[in-house]
């Protein structure tokens, strides 16, 4: 599971049938301090997230397919939660 920030919406006039009815968002992985930590990627939204939201992303095809479709569908990433806060102790360790 990854922490990411939603950086935009994706609009496609033509797409694979399995993506119909699913909102696709562009997400930027971030570290526990909110700093970018890797390349951005597309993810299917299951929690009604929007630009600027901090989200939890499962970037593993089997999980995404189990939540969104069938074993044959080309899902690779799914947003599974909106993060309200990240708490870090004074020594920089994650709580």
PDB file of N, CA and C in Angstrom:
ATOM      1  N   UNK A   1       0.845  -1.165   0.000  1.00  0.00           N
ATOM      2  CA  UNK A   1       0.000   0.000   0.000  1.00  0.00           C
ATOM      3  C   UNK A   1       0.897   1.236   0.000  1.00  0.00           C
ATOM      4  N   UNK A   2       0.471   2.268  -0.717  1.00  0.00           N
ATOM      5  CA  UNK A   2       1.247   3.496  -0.828  1.00  0.00           C
ATOM      6  C   UNK A   2       0.419   4.692  -0.397  1.00  0.00           C
ATOM      7  N   UNK A   3       1.123   5.695   0.104  1.00  0.00           N
ATOM      8  CA  UNK A   3       0.531   6.987   0.409  1.00  0.00           C
ATOM      9  C   UNK A   3       0.733   7.852  -0.829  1.00  0.00           C
ATOM     10  N   UNK A   4      -0.328   8.534  -1.277  1.00  0.00           N
ATOM     11  CA  UNK A   4      -0.220   9.356  -2.490  1.00  0.00           C
ATOM     12  C   UNK A   4      -1.140  10.562  -2.378  1.00  0.00           C
ATOM     13  N   UNK A   5      -0.863  11.555  -3.223  1.00  0.00           N
ATOM     14  CA  UNK A   5      -1.688  12.752  -3.310  1.00  0.00           C
ATOM     15  C   UNK A   5      -2.334  12.764  -4.689  1.00  0.00           C
ATOM     16  N   UNK A   6      -3.638  13.011  -4.740  1.00  0.00           N
ATOM     17  CA  UNK A   6      -4.344  13.087  -6.026  1.00  0.00           C
ATOM     18  C   UNK A   6      -3.955  14.404  -6.690  1.00  0.00           C
ATOM     19  N   UNK A   7      -3.433  14.300  -7.922  1.00  0.00           N
ATOM     20  CA  UNK A   7      -2.985  15.507  -8.618  1.00  0.00           C
ATOM     21  C   UNK A   7      -3.846  15.854  -9.830  1.00  0.00           C
ATOM     22  N   UNK A   8      -4.821  15.013 -10.155  1.00  0.00           N
ATOM     23  CA  UNK A   8      -5.689  15.358 -11.271  1.00  0.00           C
ATOM     24  C   UNK A   8      -6.654  14.261 -11.652  1.00  0.00           C
ATOM     25  N   UNK A   9      -7.608  14.644 -12.477  1.00  0.00           N
ATOM     26  CA  UNK A   9      -8.599  13.722 -13.037  1.00  0.00           C
ATOM     27  C   UNK A   9      -8.156  13.306 -14.430  1.00  0.00           C
ATOM     28  N   UNK A  10      -8.581  12.138 -14.854  1.00  0.00           N
ATOM     29  CA  UNK A  10      -8.292  11.665 -16.200  1.00  0.00           C
ATOM     30  C   UNK A  10      -9.621  11.510 -16.925  1.00  0.00           C
ATOM     31  N   UNK A  11      -9.714  12.095 -18.121  1.00  0.00           N
ATOM     32  CA  UNK A  11     -10.913  11.991 -18.946  1.00  0.00           C
ATOM     33  C   UNK A  11     -10.514  11.272 -20.225  1.00  0.00           C
ATOM     34  N   UNK A  12     -11.249  10.228 -20.568  1.00  0.00           N
ATOM     35  CA  UNK A  12     -10.957   9.463 -21.778  1.00  0.00           C
ATOM     36  C   UNK A  12     -12.245   9.233 -22.553  1.00  0.00           C
ATOM     37  N   UNK A  13     -12.254   9.622 -23.806  1.00  0.00           N
ATOM     38  CA  UNK A  13     -13.452   9.419 -24.618  1.00  0.00           C
ATOM     39  C   UNK A  13     -13.583   7.962 -25.066  1.00  0.00           C
ATOM     40  N   UNK A  14     -12.460   7.254 -25.147  1.00  0.00           N
ATOM     41  CA  UNK A  14     -12.475   5.827 -25.486  1.00  0.00           C
ATOM     42  C   UNK A  14     -11.618   5.100 -24.472  1.00  0.00           C
ATOM     43  N   UNK A  15     -12.149   3.996 -23.947  1.00  0.00           N
ATOM     44  CA  UNK A  15     -11.404   3.220 -22.958  1.00  0.00           C
ATOM     45  C   UNK A  15     -11.916   1.786 -22.940  1.00  0.00           C
ATOM     46  N   UNK A  16     -11.139   0.919 -22.336  1.00  0.00           N
ATOM     47  CA  UNK A  16     -11.517  -0.485 -22.180  1.00  0.00           C
ATOM     48  C   UNK A  16     -12.852  -0.544 -21.452  1.00  0.00           C
ATOM     49  N   UNK A  17     -13.702  -1.461 -21.832  1.00  0.00           N
ATOM     50  CA  UNK A  17     -15.043  -1.569 -21.242  1.00  0.00           C
ATOM     51  C   UNK A  17     -15.014  -1.674 -19.718  1.00  0.00           C
ATOM     52  N   UNK A  18     -13.999  -2.329 -19.149  1.00  0.00           N
ATOM     53  CA  UNK A  18     -13.977  -2.510 -17.695  1.00  0.00           C
ATOM     54  C   UNK A  18     -13.793  -1.190 -16.941  1.00  0.00           C
ATOM     55  N   UNK A  19     -13.320  -0.144 -17.626  1.00  0.00           N
ATOM     56  CA  UNK A  19     -13.128   1.149 -16.972  1.00  0.00           C
ATOM     57  C   UNK A  19     -14.393   2.005 -16.986  1.00  0.00           C
ATOM     58  N   UNK A  20     -15.403   1.606 -17.713  1.00  0.00           N
ATOM     59  CA  UNK A  20     -16.656   2.376 -17.751  1.00  0.00           C
ATOM     60  C   UNK A  20     -17.286   2.396 -16.358  1.00  0.00           C
ATOM     61  N   UNK A  21     -17.678   3.575 -15.918  1.00  0.00           N
ATOM     62  CA  UNK A  21     -18.289   3.712 -14.604  1.00  0.00           C
ATOM     63  C   UNK A  21     -17.292   3.906 -13.472  1.00  0.00           C
ATOM     64  N   UNK A  22     -16.007   3.862 -13.774  1.00  0.00           N
ATOM     65  CA  UNK A  22     -14.972   4.078 -12.754  1.00  0.00           C
ATOM     66  C   UNK A  22     -14.279   5.408 -12.999  1.00  0.00           C
ATOM     67  N   UNK A  23     -14.055   6.157 -11.936  1.00  0.00           N
ATOM     68  CA  UNK A  23     -13.318   7.408 -12.029  1.00  0.00           C
ATOM     69  C   UNK A  23     -11.827   7.084 -11.974  1.00  0.00           C
ATOM     70  N   UNK A  24     -11.073   7.633 -12.912  1.00  0.00           N
ATOM     71  CA  UNK A  24      -9.632   7.415 -12.969  1.00  0.00           C
ATOM     72  C   UNK A  24      -8.944   8.712 -12.540  1.00  0.00           C
ATOM     73  N   UNK A  25      -8.022   8.590 -11.594  1.00  0.00           N
ATOM     74  CA  UNK A  25      -7.296   9.754 -11.087  1.00  0.00           C
ATOM     75  C   UNK A  25      -5.794   9.584 -11.267  1.00  0.00           C
ATOM     76  N   UNK A  26      -5.089  10.708 -11.430  1.00  0.00           N
ATOM     77  CA  UNK A  26      -3.633  10.715 -11.457  1.00  0.00           C
ATOM     78  C   UNK A  26      -3.175  10.947 -10.021  1.00  0.00           C
ATOM     79  N   UNK A  27      -2.294  10.069  -9.519  1.00  0.00           N
ATOM     80  CA  UNK A  27      -1.799  10.201  -8.149  1.00  0.00           C
ATOM     81  C   UNK A  27      -0.283  10.305  -8.134  1.00  0.00           C
ATOM     82  N   UNK A  28       0.228  11.039  -7.157  1.00  0.00           N
ATOM     83  CA  UNK A  28       1.660  11.225  -6.950  1.00  0.00           C
ATOM     84  C   UNK A  28       2.035  10.577  -5.624  1.00  0.00           C
ATOM     85  N   UNK A  29       2.847   9.507  -5.650  1.00  0.00           N
ATOM     86  CA  UNK A  29       3.279   8.909  -4.382  1.00  0.00           C
ATOM     87  C   UNK A  29       4.041   9.941  -3.540  1.00  0.00           C
ATOM     88  N   UNK A  30       3.809   9.893  -2.222  1.00  0.00           N
ATOM     89  CA  UNK A  30       4.493  10.801  -1.296  1.00  0.00           C
ATOM     90  C   UNK A  30       5.017   9.997  -0.107  1.00  0.00           C
ATOM     91  N   UNK A  31       6.015  10.565   0.580  1.00  0.00           N
ATOM     92  CA  UNK A  31       6.499   9.924   1.800  1.00  0.00           C
ATOM     93  C   UNK A  31       5.671  10.401   2.986  1.00  0.00           C
ATOM     94  N   UNK A  32       6.042   9.979   4.187  1.00  0.00           N
ATOM     95  CA  UNK A  32       5.263  10.328   5.375  1.00  0.00           C
ATOM     96  C   UNK A  32       5.268  11.824   5.688  1.00  0.00           C
ATOM     97  N   UNK A  33       6.172  12.582   5.048  1.00  0.00           N
ATOM     98  CA  UNK A  33       6.232  14.032   5.250  1.00  0.00           C
ATOM     99  C   UNK A  33       5.512  14.799   4.144  1.00  0.00           C
ATOM    100  N   UNK A  34       4.949  14.070   3.179  1.00  0.00           N
ATOM    101  CA  UNK A  34       4.220  14.703   2.087  1.00  0.00           C
ATOM    102  C   UNK A  34       5.083  15.081   0.902  1.00  0.00           C
ATOM    103  N   UNK A  35       6.347  14.657   0.897  1.00  0.00           N
ATOM    104  CA  UNK A  35       7.261  14.957  -0.208  1.00  0.00           C
ATOM    105  C   UNK A  35       7.107  13.894  -1.301  1.00  0.00           C
ATOM    106  N   UNK A  36       7.188  14.319  -2.557  1.00  0.00           N
ATOM    107  CA  UNK A  36       7.087  13.387  -3.678  1.00  0.00           C
ATOM    108  C   UNK A  36       8.109  12.263  -3.533  1.00  0.00           C
ATOM    109  N   UNK A  37       7.687  11.045  -3.862  1.00  0.00           N
ATOM    110  CA  UNK A  37       8.595   9.904  -3.727  1.00  0.00           C
ATOM    111  C   UNK A  37       8.395   8.896  -4.856  1.00  0.00           C
ATOM    112  N   UNK A  38       8.591   9.326  -6.058  1.00  0.00           N
ATOM    113  CA  UNK A  38       8.467   8.431  -7.196  1.00  0.00           C
ATOM    114  C   UNK A  38       7.584   9.023  -8.269  1.00  0.00           C
ATOM    115  N   UNK A  39       7.520   8.329  -9.406  1.00  0.00           N
ATOM    116  CA  UNK A  39       6.713   8.832 -10.524  1.00  0.00           C
ATOM    117  C   UNK A  39       5.211   8.701 -10.265  1.00  0.00           C
ATOM    118  N   UNK A  40       4.459   9.614 -10.839  1.00  0.00           N
ATOM    119  CA  UNK A  40       3.004   9.564 -10.716  1.00  0.00           C
ATOM    120  C   UNK A  40       2.454   8.423 -11.571  1.00  0.00           C
ATOM    121  N   UNK A  41       1.216   8.013 -11.270  1.00  0.00           N
ATOM    122  CA  UNK A  41       0.572   6.938 -12.019  1.00  0.00           C
ATOM    123  C   UNK A  41      -0.938   7.085 -11.921  1.00  0.00           C
ATOM    124  N   UNK A  42      -1.656   6.304 -12.730  1.00  0.00           N
ATOM    125  CA  UNK A  42      -3.113   6.337 -12.741  1.00  0.00           C
ATOM    126  C   UNK A  42      -3.669   5.311 -11.762  1.00  0.00           C
ATOM    127  N   UNK A  43      -4.813   5.652 -11.158  1.00  0.00           N
ATOM    128  CA  UNK A  43      -5.443   4.751 -10.206  1.00  0.00           C
ATOM    129  C   UNK A  43      -6.958   4.893 -10.279  1.00  0.00           C
ATOM    130  N   UNK A  44      -7.671   3.775 -10.154  1.00  0.00           N
ATOM    131  CA  UNK A  44      -9.135   3.798 -10.106  1.00  0.00           C
ATOM    132  C   UNK A  44      -9.575   4.212  -8.709  1.00  0.00           C
ATOM    133  N   UNK A  45     -10.544   5.095  -8.650  1.00  0.00           N
ATOM    134  CA  UNK A  45     -11.027   5.619  -7.375  1.00  0.00           C
ATOM    135  C   UNK A  45     -12.234   4.827  -6.884  1.00  0.00           C
ATOM    136  N   UNK A  46     -12.188   4.373  -5.620  1.00  0.00           N
ATOM    137  CA  UNK A  46     -13.339   3.686  -5.021  1.00  0.00           C
ATOM    138  C   UNK A  46     -13.904   4.448  -3.831  1.00  0.00           C
ATOM    139  N   UNK A  47     -13.319   5.614  -3.502  1.00  0.00           N
ATOM    140  CA  UNK A  47     -13.706   6.321  -2.276  1.00  0.00           C
ATOM    141  C   UNK A  47     -14.124   7.768  -2.527  1.00  0.00           C
ATOM    142  N   UNK A  48     -14.339   8.134  -3.797  1.00  0.00           N
ATOM    143  CA  UNK A  48     -14.749   9.489  -4.164  1.00  0.00           C
ATOM    144  C   UNK A  48     -13.707  10.537  -3.774  1.00  0.00           C
ATOM    145  N   UNK A  49     -12.441  10.249  -4.036  1.00  0.00           N
ATOM    146  CA  UNK A  49     -11.352  11.196  -3.773  1.00  0.00           C
ATOM    147  C   UNK A  49     -11.338  12.262  -4.863  1.00  0.00           C
ATOM    148  N   UNK A  50     -10.592  13.337  -4.594  1.00  0.00           N
ATOM    149  CA  UNK A  50     -10.479  14.409  -5.571  1.00  0.00           C
ATOM    150  C   UNK A  50      -9.116  15.058  -5.497  1.00  0.00           C
ATOM    151  N   UNK A  51      -8.831  15.952  -6.443  1.00  0.00           N
ATOM    152  CA  UNK A  51      -7.533  16.622  -6.469  1.00  0.00           C
ATOM    153  C   UNK A  51      -7.191  17.260  -5.120  1.00  0.00           C
ATOM    154  N   UNK A  52      -5.956  17.005  -4.675  1.00  0.00           N
ATOM    155  CA  UNK A  52      -5.483  17.533  -3.405  1.00  0.00           C
ATOM    156  C   UNK A  52      -5.624  16.566  -2.246  1.00  0.00           C
ATOM    157  N   UNK A  53      -6.476  15.540  -2.375  1.00  0.00           N
ATOM    158  CA  UNK A  53      -6.662  14.577  -1.291  1.00  0.00           C
ATOM    159  C   UNK A  53      -5.430  13.699  -1.120  1.00  0.00           C
ATOM    160  N   UNK A  54      -5.121  13.384   0.130  1.00  0.00           N
ATOM    161  CA  UNK A  54      -4.099  12.406   0.463  1.00  0.00           C
ATOM    162  C   UNK A  54      -4.802  11.063   0.558  1.00  0.00           C
ATOM    163  N   UNK A  55      -4.318  10.066  -0.179  1.00  0.00           N
ATOM    164  CA  UNK A  55      -5.035   8.802  -0.290  1.00  0.00           C
ATOM    165  C   UNK A  55      -4.116   7.601  -0.046  1.00  0.00           C
ATOM    166  N   UNK A  56      -4.755   6.470   0.251  1.00  0.00           N
ATOM    167  CA  UNK A  56      -4.070   5.187   0.314  1.00  0.00           C
ATOM    168  C   UNK A  56      -4.335   4.471  -0.997  1.00  0.00           C
ATOM    169  N   UNK A  57      -3.263   3.993  -1.630  1.00  0.00           N
ATOM    170  CA  UNK A  57      -3.377   3.338  -2.929  1.00  0.00           C
ATOM    171  C   UNK A  57      -2.798   1.933  -2.833  1.00  0.00           C
ATOM    172  N   UNK A  58      -3.562   0.979  -3.301  1.00  0.00           N
ATOM    173  CA  UNK A  58      -3.062  -0.387  -3.418  1.00  0.00           C
ATOM    174  C   UNK A  58      -2.620  -0.539  -4.861  1.00  0.00           C
ATOM    175  N   UNK A  59      -1.336  -0.670  -5.082  1.00  0.00           N
ATOM    176  CA  UNK A  59      -0.813  -0.761  -6.442  1.00  0.00           C
ATOM    177  C   UNK A  59      -0.357  -2.192  -6.713  1.00  0.00           C
ATOM    178  N   UNK A  60      -1.324  -3.039  -6.832  1.00  0.00           N
ATOM    179  CA  UNK A  60      -1.079  -4.458  -7.077  1.00  0.00           C
ATOM    180  C   UNK A  60      -2.288  -4.978  -7.830  1.00  0.00           C
ATOM    181  N   UNK A  61      -2.058  -5.545  -8.986  1.00  0.00           N
ATOM    182  CA  UNK A  61      -3.146  -5.907  -9.891  1.00  0.00           C
ATOM    183  C   UNK A  61      -4.195  -6.829  -9.331  1.00  0.00           C
ATOM    184  N   UNK A  62      -3.797  -7.866  -8.595  1.00  0.00           N
ATOM    185  CA  UNK A  62      -4.789  -8.820  -8.095  1.00  0.00           C
ATOM    186  C   UNK A  62      -5.776  -8.160  -7.148  1.00  0.00           C
ATOM    187  N   UNK A  63      -5.288  -7.316  -6.249  1.00  0.00           N
ATOM    188  CA  UNK A  63      -6.188  -6.617  -5.327  1.00  0.00           C
ATOM    189  C   UNK A  63      -7.144  -5.716  -6.084  1.00  0.00           C
ATOM    190  N   UNK A  64      -6.610  -4.949  -7.033  1.00  0.00           N
ATOM    191  CA  UNK A  64      -7.450  -4.047  -7.816  1.00  0.00           C
ATOM    192  C   UNK A  64      -8.515  -4.819  -8.583  1.00  0.00           C
ATOM    193  N   UNK A  65      -8.123  -5.918  -9.199  1.00  0.00           N
ATOM    194  CA  UNK A  65      -9.106  -6.706  -9.953  1.00  0.00           C
ATOM    195  C   UNK A  65     -10.166  -7.310  -9.045  1.00  0.00           C
ATOM    196  N   UNK A  66      -9.782  -7.750  -7.852  1.00  0.00           N
ATOM    197  CA  UNK A  66     -10.760  -8.311  -6.905  1.00  0.00           C
ATOM    198  C   UNK A  66     -11.783  -7.254  -6.491  1.00  0.00           C
ATOM    199  N   UNK A  67     -11.339  -6.021  -6.290  1.00  0.00           N
ATOM    200  CA  UNK A  67     -12.243  -4.952  -5.859  1.00  0.00           C
ATOM    201  C   UNK A  67     -13.100  -4.405  -6.988  1.00  0.00           C
ATOM    202  N   UNK A  68     -12.554  -4.383  -8.205  1.00  0.00           N
ATOM    203  CA  UNK A  68     -13.212  -3.648  -9.279  1.00  0.00           C
ATOM    204  C   UNK A  68     -13.777  -4.480 -10.422  1.00  0.00           C
ATOM    205  N   UNK A  69     -13.269  -5.670 -10.633  1.00  0.00           N
ATOM    206  CA  UNK A  69     -13.707  -6.391 -11.826  1.00  0.00           C
ATOM    207  C   UNK A  69     -13.467  -7.876 -11.737  1.00  0.00           C
ATOM    208  N   UNK A  70     -13.007  -8.402 -12.846  1.00  0.00           N
ATOM    209  CA  UNK A  70     -12.725  -9.825 -12.936  1.00  0.00           C
ATOM    210  C   UNK A  70     -11.224 -10.043 -13.085  1.00  0.00           C
ATOM    211  N   UNK A  71     -10.809 -11.289 -13.027  1.00  0.00           N
ATOM    212  CA  UNK A  71      -9.375 -11.618 -13.127  1.00  0.00           C
ATOM    213  C   UNK A  71      -8.756 -11.192 -14.454  1.00  0.00           C
ATOM    214  N   UNK A  72      -9.558 -11.044 -15.491  1.00  0.00           N
ATOM    215  CA  UNK A  72      -9.042 -10.686 -16.801  1.00  0.00           C
ATOM    216  C   UNK A  72      -8.920  -9.175 -17.009  1.00  0.00           C
ATOM    217  N   UNK A  73      -9.545  -8.372 -16.167  1.00  0.00           N
ATOM    218  CA  UNK A  73      -9.538  -6.918 -16.355  1.00  0.00           C
ATOM    219  C   UNK A  73      -8.149  -6.334 -16.090  1.00  0.00           C
ATOM    220  N   UNK A  74      -7.755  -5.291 -16.838  1.00  0.00           N
ATOM    221  CA  UNK A  74      -6.405  -4.725 -16.733  1.00  0.00           C
ATOM    222  C   UNK A  74      -6.242  -3.671 -15.630  1.00  0.00           C
ATOM    223  N   UNK A  75      -6.850  -3.879 -14.469  1.00  0.00           N
ATOM    224  CA  UNK A  75      -6.676  -2.941 -13.360  1.00  0.00           C
ATOM    225  C   UNK A  75      -5.349  -3.220 -12.662  1.00  0.00           C
ATOM    226  N   UNK A  76      -4.614  -2.165 -12.317  1.00  0.00           N
ATOM    227  CA  UNK A  76      -3.338  -2.340 -11.618  1.00  0.00           C
ATOM    228  C   UNK A  76      -3.253  -1.531 -10.335  1.00  0.00           C
ATOM    229  N   UNK A  77      -4.116  -0.549 -10.173  1.00  0.00           N
ATOM    230  CA  UNK A  77      -4.024   0.334  -9.013  1.00  0.00           C
ATOM    231  C   UNK A  77      -5.416   0.805  -8.614  1.00  0.00           C
ATOM    232  N   UNK A  78      -5.665   0.849  -7.301  1.00  0.00           N
ATOM    233  CA  UNK A  78      -6.972   1.282  -6.804  1.00  0.00           C
ATOM    234  C   UNK A  78      -6.789   2.126  -5.551  1.00  0.00           C
ATOM    235  N   UNK A  79      -7.532   3.219  -5.491  1.00  0.00           N
ATOM    236  CA  UNK A  79      -7.534   4.076  -4.296  1.00  0.00           C
ATOM    237  C   UNK A  79      -8.523   3.464  -3.316  1.00  0.00           C
ATOM    238  N   UNK A  80      -8.040   3.133  -2.102  1.00  0.00           N
ATOM    239  CA  UNK A  80      -8.871   2.425  -1.135  1.00  0.00           C
ATOM    240  C   UNK A  80      -9.185   3.246   0.114  1.00  0.00           C
ATOM    241  N   UNK A  81      -8.631   4.447   0.244  1.00  0.00           N
ATOM    242  CA  UNK A  81      -8.929   5.254   1.421  1.00  0.00           C
ATOM    243  C   UNK A  81      -8.467   6.687   1.259  1.00  0.00           C
ATOM    244  N   UNK A  82      -9.144   7.594   1.969  1.00  0.00           N
ATOM    245  CA  UNK A  82      -8.719   8.994   2.052  1.00  0.00           C
ATOM    246  C   UNK A  82      -8.118   9.192   3.433  1.00  0.00           C
ATOM    247  N   UNK A  83      -6.900   9.723   3.487  1.00  0.00           N
ATOM    248  CA  UNK A  83      -6.158   9.888   4.735  1.00  0.00           C
ATOM    249  C   UNK A  83      -6.505  11.229   5.361  1.00  0.00           C
ATOM    250  N   UNK A  84      -6.911  11.192   6.637  1.00  0.00           N
ATOM    251  CA  UNK A  84      -7.208  12.430   7.359  1.00  0.00           C
ATOM    252  C   UNK A  84      -5.943  13.064   7.928  1.00  0.00           C
ATOM    253  N   UNK A  85      -5.016  12.240   8.424  1.00  0.00           N
ATOM    254  CA  UNK A  85      -3.794  12.771   9.038  1.00  0.00           C
ATOM    255  C   UNK A  85      -2.719  11.695   9.077  1.00  0.00           C
ATOM    256  N   UNK A  86      -1.471  12.146   9.080  1.00  0.00           N
ATOM    257  CA  UNK A  86      -0.323  11.264   9.274  1.00  0.00           C
ATOM    258  C   UNK A  86       0.410  11.786  10.501  1.00  0.00           C
ATOM    259  N   UNK A  87       0.579  10.943  11.517  1.00  0.00           N
ATOM    260  CA  UNK A  87       1.247  11.346  12.755  1.00  0.00           C
ATOM    261  C   UNK A  87       2.664  10.783  12.779  1.00  0.00           C
ATOM    262  N   UNK A  88       3.633  11.646  13.075  1.00  0.00           N
ATOM    263  CA  UNK A  88       5.037  11.251  13.157  1.00  0.00           C
ATOM    264  C   UNK A  88       5.554  11.719  14.500  1.00  0.00           C
ATOM    265  N   UNK A  89       6.259  10.838  15.232  1.00  0.00           N
ATOM    266  CA  UNK A  89       6.766  11.250  16.542  1.00  0.00           C
ATOM    267  C   UNK A  89       7.941  12.215  16.383  1.00  0.00           C
ATOM    268  N   UNK A  90       8.430  12.755  17.471  1.00  0.00           N
ATOM    269  CA  UNK A  90       9.468  13.792  17.449  1.00  0.00           C
ATOM    270  C   UNK A  90      10.783  13.336  16.868  1.00  0.00           C
ATOM    271  N   UNK A  91      11.071  12.031  16.906  1.00  0.00           N
ATOM    272  CA  UNK A  91      12.332  11.521  16.376  1.00  0.00           C
ATOM    273  C   UNK A  91      12.213  11.169  14.902  1.00  0.00           C
ATOM    274  N   UNK A  92      11.084  11.472  14.300  1.00  0.00           N
ATOM    275  CA  UNK A  92      10.900  11.227  12.876  1.00  0.00           C
ATOM    276  C   UNK A  92      10.405   9.836  12.545  1.00  0.00           C
ATOM    277  N   UNK A  93      10.079   9.051  13.562  1.00  0.00           N
ATOM    278  CA  UNK A  93       9.559   7.704  13.315  1.00  0.00           C
ATOM    279  C   UNK A  93       8.062   7.772  13.096  1.00  0.00           C
ATOM    280  N   UNK A  94       7.565   6.923  12.197  1.00  0.00           N
ATOM    281  CA  UNK A  94       6.124   6.866  11.969  1.00  0.00           C
ATOM    282  C   UNK A  94       5.443   6.238  13.163  1.00  0.00           C
ATOM    283  N   UNK A  95       4.274   6.757  13.536  1.00  0.00           N
ATOM    284  CA  UNK A  95       3.451   6.151  14.593  1.00  0.00           C
ATOM    285  C   UNK A  95       2.495   5.174  13.992  1.00  0.00           C
TER     286      UNK A  95
END
